[in-house]
């Protein structure tokens, strides 16, 4: 059986620092050493921690580590935010769910 820590690391292949995972779990009262049973994975604490992790990933920098590059497109970042906001709403943390903001402007090298 995998632990909660291993389960959270499995959300995405991005190298999330251990300290970040500890901080997110502590914020929600989740124990990383516990087994990630079905009940735990359905819990409010676990799902809000996943939402926090997805929101963190939506802002994560592009990195290269050990010859492997990790980067996200704008669409992937948007999907992380949408998934996180959906979890926030589903588990009663509506005040943490953001509202999508329109993006205006020209994206290109010449105006």
C-alpha atoms as a PDB file:
ATOM      1  CA  UNK A   1       0.000   0.000   0.000  1.00  0.00           C
ATOM      2  CA  UNK A   2       1.351   3.409  -0.906  1.00  0.00           C
ATOM      3  CA  UNK A   3       1.582   6.250   1.561  1.00  0.00           C
ATOM      4  CA  UNK A   4      -0.184   9.583   1.262  1.00  0.00           C
ATOM      5  CA  UNK A   5       3.189  11.137   0.349  1.00  0.00           C
ATOM      6  CA  UNK A   6       3.676   8.699  -2.536  1.00  0.00           C
ATOM      7  CA  UNK A   7       0.117   9.294  -3.683  1.00  0.00           C
ATOM      8  CA  UNK A   8       0.600  13.067  -3.743  1.00  0.00           C
ATOM      9  CA  UNK A   9       3.883  12.689  -5.620  1.00  0.00           C
ATOM     10  CA  UNK A  10       1.949  10.677  -8.194  1.00  0.00           C
ATOM     11  CA  UNK A  11      -0.341  13.593  -9.036  1.00  0.00           C
ATOM     12  CA  UNK A  12       2.261  14.838 -11.509  1.00  0.00           C
ATOM     13  CA  UNK A  13       5.819  13.954 -12.520  1.00  0.00           C
ATOM     14  CA  UNK A  14       7.051  17.489 -11.724  1.00  0.00           C
ATOM     15  CA  UNK A  15       9.709  17.404  -8.959  1.00  0.00           C
ATOM     16  CA  UNK A  16       7.720  19.064  -6.166  1.00  0.00           C
ATOM     17  CA  UNK A  17      10.015  19.797  -3.210  1.00  0.00           C
ATOM     18  CA  UNK A  18       9.373  17.607  -0.177  1.00  0.00           C
ATOM     19  CA  UNK A  19       9.105  20.705   2.014  1.00  0.00           C
ATOM     20  CA  UNK A  20       6.225  21.945  -0.182  1.00  0.00           C
ATOM     21  CA  UNK A  21       4.354  18.648   0.163  1.00  0.00           C
ATOM     22  CA  UNK A  22       4.875  18.678   3.934  1.00  0.00           C
ATOM     23  CA  UNK A  23       3.617  22.260   4.173  1.00  0.00           C
ATOM     24  CA  UNK A  24       0.522  21.577   2.057  1.00  0.00           C
ATOM     25  CA  UNK A  25      -0.341  18.449   4.049  1.00  0.00           C
ATOM     26  CA  UNK A  26       0.173  20.154   7.413  1.00  0.00           C
ATOM     27  CA  UNK A  27      -2.092  23.000   6.335  1.00  0.00           C
ATOM     28  CA  UNK A  28      -4.913  20.473   5.811  1.00  0.00           C
ATOM     29  CA  UNK A  29      -4.132  18.215   8.776  1.00  0.00           C
ATOM     30  CA  UNK A  30      -3.046  15.313   6.583  1.00  0.00           C
ATOM     31  CA  UNK A  31      -0.427  12.798   7.713  1.00  0.00           C
ATOM     32  CA  UNK A  32       1.989  11.956   4.881  1.00  0.00           C
ATOM     33  CA  UNK A  33       3.138   8.693   6.481  1.00  0.00           C
ATOM     34  CA  UNK A  34      -0.407   7.248   6.610  1.00  0.00           C
ATOM     35  CA  UNK A  35      -1.540   4.661   4.081  1.00  0.00           C
ATOM     36  CA  UNK A  36      -3.419   6.169   1.138  1.00  0.00           C
ATOM     37  CA  UNK A  37      -6.502   4.015   1.582  1.00  0.00           C
ATOM     38  CA  UNK A  38      -9.687   4.579  -0.366  1.00  0.00           C
ATOM     39  CA  UNK A  39     -11.210   6.374   2.615  1.00  0.00           C
ATOM     40  CA  UNK A  40      -8.223   8.701   2.892  1.00  0.00           C
ATOM     41  CA  UNK A  41      -8.312   9.481  -0.833  1.00  0.00           C
ATOM     42  CA  UNK A  42     -12.007  10.357  -0.573  1.00  0.00           C
ATOM     43  CA  UNK A  43     -11.479  12.583   2.466  1.00  0.00           C
ATOM     44  CA  UNK A  44     -11.837  16.334   2.475  1.00  0.00           C
ATOM     45  CA  UNK A  45      -8.305  16.780   3.820  1.00  0.00           C
ATOM     46  CA  UNK A  46      -6.712  14.710   1.067  1.00  0.00           C
ATOM     47  CA  UNK A  47      -8.677  16.307  -1.765  1.00  0.00           C
ATOM     48  CA  UNK A  48      -8.031  19.840  -0.540  1.00  0.00           C
ATOM     49  CA  UNK A  49      -4.328  18.993  -0.311  1.00  0.00           C
ATOM     50  CA  UNK A  50      -4.474  17.764  -3.925  1.00  0.00           C
ATOM     51  CA  UNK A  51      -6.219  21.031  -4.864  1.00  0.00           C
ATOM     52  CA  UNK A  52      -3.462  23.016  -3.129  1.00  0.00           C
ATOM     53  CA  UNK A  53      -0.859  20.957  -4.975  1.00  0.00           C
ATOM     54  CA  UNK A  54      -2.550  21.548  -8.334  1.00  0.00           C
ATOM     55  CA  UNK A  55      -2.689  25.274  -7.626  1.00  0.00           C
ATOM     56  CA  UNK A  56       1.007  25.186  -6.699  1.00  0.00           C
ATOM     57  CA  UNK A  57       1.775  23.345  -9.954  1.00  0.00           C
ATOM     58  CA  UNK A  58      -0.128  25.999 -11.925  1.00  0.00           C
ATOM     59  CA  UNK A  59       2.460  28.526 -10.714  1.00  0.00           C
ATOM     60  CA  UNK A  60       5.517  26.258 -10.673  1.00  0.00           C
ATOM     61  CA  UNK A  61       8.577  27.393 -12.598  1.00  0.00           C
ATOM     62  CA  UNK A  62       9.935  25.479 -15.560  1.00  0.00           C
ATOM     63  CA  UNK A  63      12.987  23.536 -14.380  1.00  0.00           C
ATOM     64  CA  UNK A  64      15.707  21.237 -15.636  1.00  0.00           C
ATOM     65  CA  UNK A  65      16.875  18.591 -13.197  1.00  0.00           C
ATOM     66  CA  UNK A  66      19.232  15.744 -13.898  1.00  0.00           C
ATOM     67  CA  UNK A  67      19.042  16.303 -17.645  1.00  0.00           C
ATOM     68  CA  UNK A  68      15.225  16.193 -17.563  1.00  0.00           C
ATOM     69  CA  UNK A  69      13.209  19.334 -18.323  1.00  0.00           C
ATOM     70  CA  UNK A  70       9.854  19.999 -16.703  1.00  0.00           C
ATOM     71  CA  UNK A  71       7.659  22.689 -18.175  1.00  0.00           C
ATOM     72  CA  UNK A  72       3.958  23.356 -18.580  1.00  0.00           C
ATOM     73  CA  UNK A  73       2.071  25.109 -21.334  1.00  0.00           C
ATOM     74  CA  UNK A  74      -0.395  27.874 -20.534  1.00  0.00           C
ATOM     75  CA  UNK A  75      -3.215  25.416 -21.223  1.00  0.00           C
ATOM     76  CA  UNK A  76      -1.803  22.881 -18.760  1.00  0.00           C
ATOM     77  CA  UNK A  77      -1.460  25.569 -16.096  1.00  0.00           C
ATOM     78  CA  UNK A  78      -5.047  26.650 -16.745  1.00  0.00           C
ATOM     79  CA  UNK A  79      -6.217  23.033 -16.412  1.00  0.00           C
ATOM     80  CA  UNK A  80      -4.376  22.698 -13.068  1.00  0.00           C
ATOM     81  CA  UNK A  81      -6.184  25.824 -11.801  1.00  0.00           C
ATOM     82  CA  UNK A  82      -9.560  24.627 -13.080  1.00  0.00           C
ATOM     83  CA  UNK A  83      -9.111  21.205 -11.458  1.00  0.00           C
ATOM     84  CA  UNK A  84      -8.022  22.794  -8.181  1.00  0.00           C
ATOM     85  CA  UNK A  85     -10.979  25.197  -8.189  1.00  0.00           C
ATOM     86  CA  UNK A  86     -13.339  22.308  -8.873  1.00  0.00           C
ATOM     87  CA  UNK A  87     -11.963  20.387  -5.872  1.00  0.00           C
ATOM     88  CA  UNK A  88     -12.184  23.495  -3.673  1.00  0.00           C
ATOM     89  CA  UNK A  89     -15.861  23.868  -4.575  1.00  0.00           C
ATOM     90  CA  UNK A  90     -16.628  20.146  -4.228  1.00  0.00           C
ATOM     91  CA  UNK A  91     -15.117  19.961  -0.746  1.00  0.00           C
ATOM     92  CA  UNK A  92     -16.517  23.180   0.710  1.00  0.00           C
ATOM     93  CA  UNK A  93     -13.583  25.548   0.310  1.00  0.00           C
ATOM     94  CA  UNK A  94     -15.368  27.912  -2.077  1.00  0.00           C
ATOM     95  CA  UNK A  95     -13.529  30.885  -0.610  1.00  0.00           C
ATOM     96  CA  UNK A  96     -10.256  29.423  -1.937  1.00  0.00           C
ATOM     97  CA  UNK A  97     -11.581  28.791  -5.437  1.00  0.00           C
ATOM     98  CA  UNK A  98     -10.583  31.548  -7.790  1.00  0.00           C
ATOM     99  CA  UNK A  99     -12.632  32.945 -10.599  1.00  0.00           C
ATOM    100  CA  UNK A 100     -11.186  32.682 -14.073  1.00  0.00           C
ATOM    101  CA  UNK A 101      -9.908  36.002 -15.316  1.00  0.00           C
ATOM    102  CA  UNK A 102      -9.989  36.927 -18.965  1.00  0.00           C
ATOM    103  CA  UNK A 103      -6.647  37.460 -20.600  1.00  0.00           C
ATOM    104  CA  UNK A 104      -6.430  40.339 -23.020  1.00  0.00           C
ATOM    105  CA  UNK A 105      -3.610  41.344 -25.266  1.00  0.00           C
ATOM    106  CA  UNK A 106      -1.588  40.319 -28.216  1.00  0.00           C
ATOM    107  CA  UNK A 107       0.652  37.304 -27.953  1.00  0.00           C
ATOM    108  CA  UNK A 108       3.406  37.581 -30.466  1.00  0.00           C
ATOM    109  CA  UNK A 109       6.649  39.242 -31.338  1.00  0.00           C
ATOM    110  CA  UNK A 110       5.259  42.195 -33.278  1.00  0.00           C
ATOM    111  CA  UNK A 111       2.428  44.574 -32.593  1.00  0.00           C
END
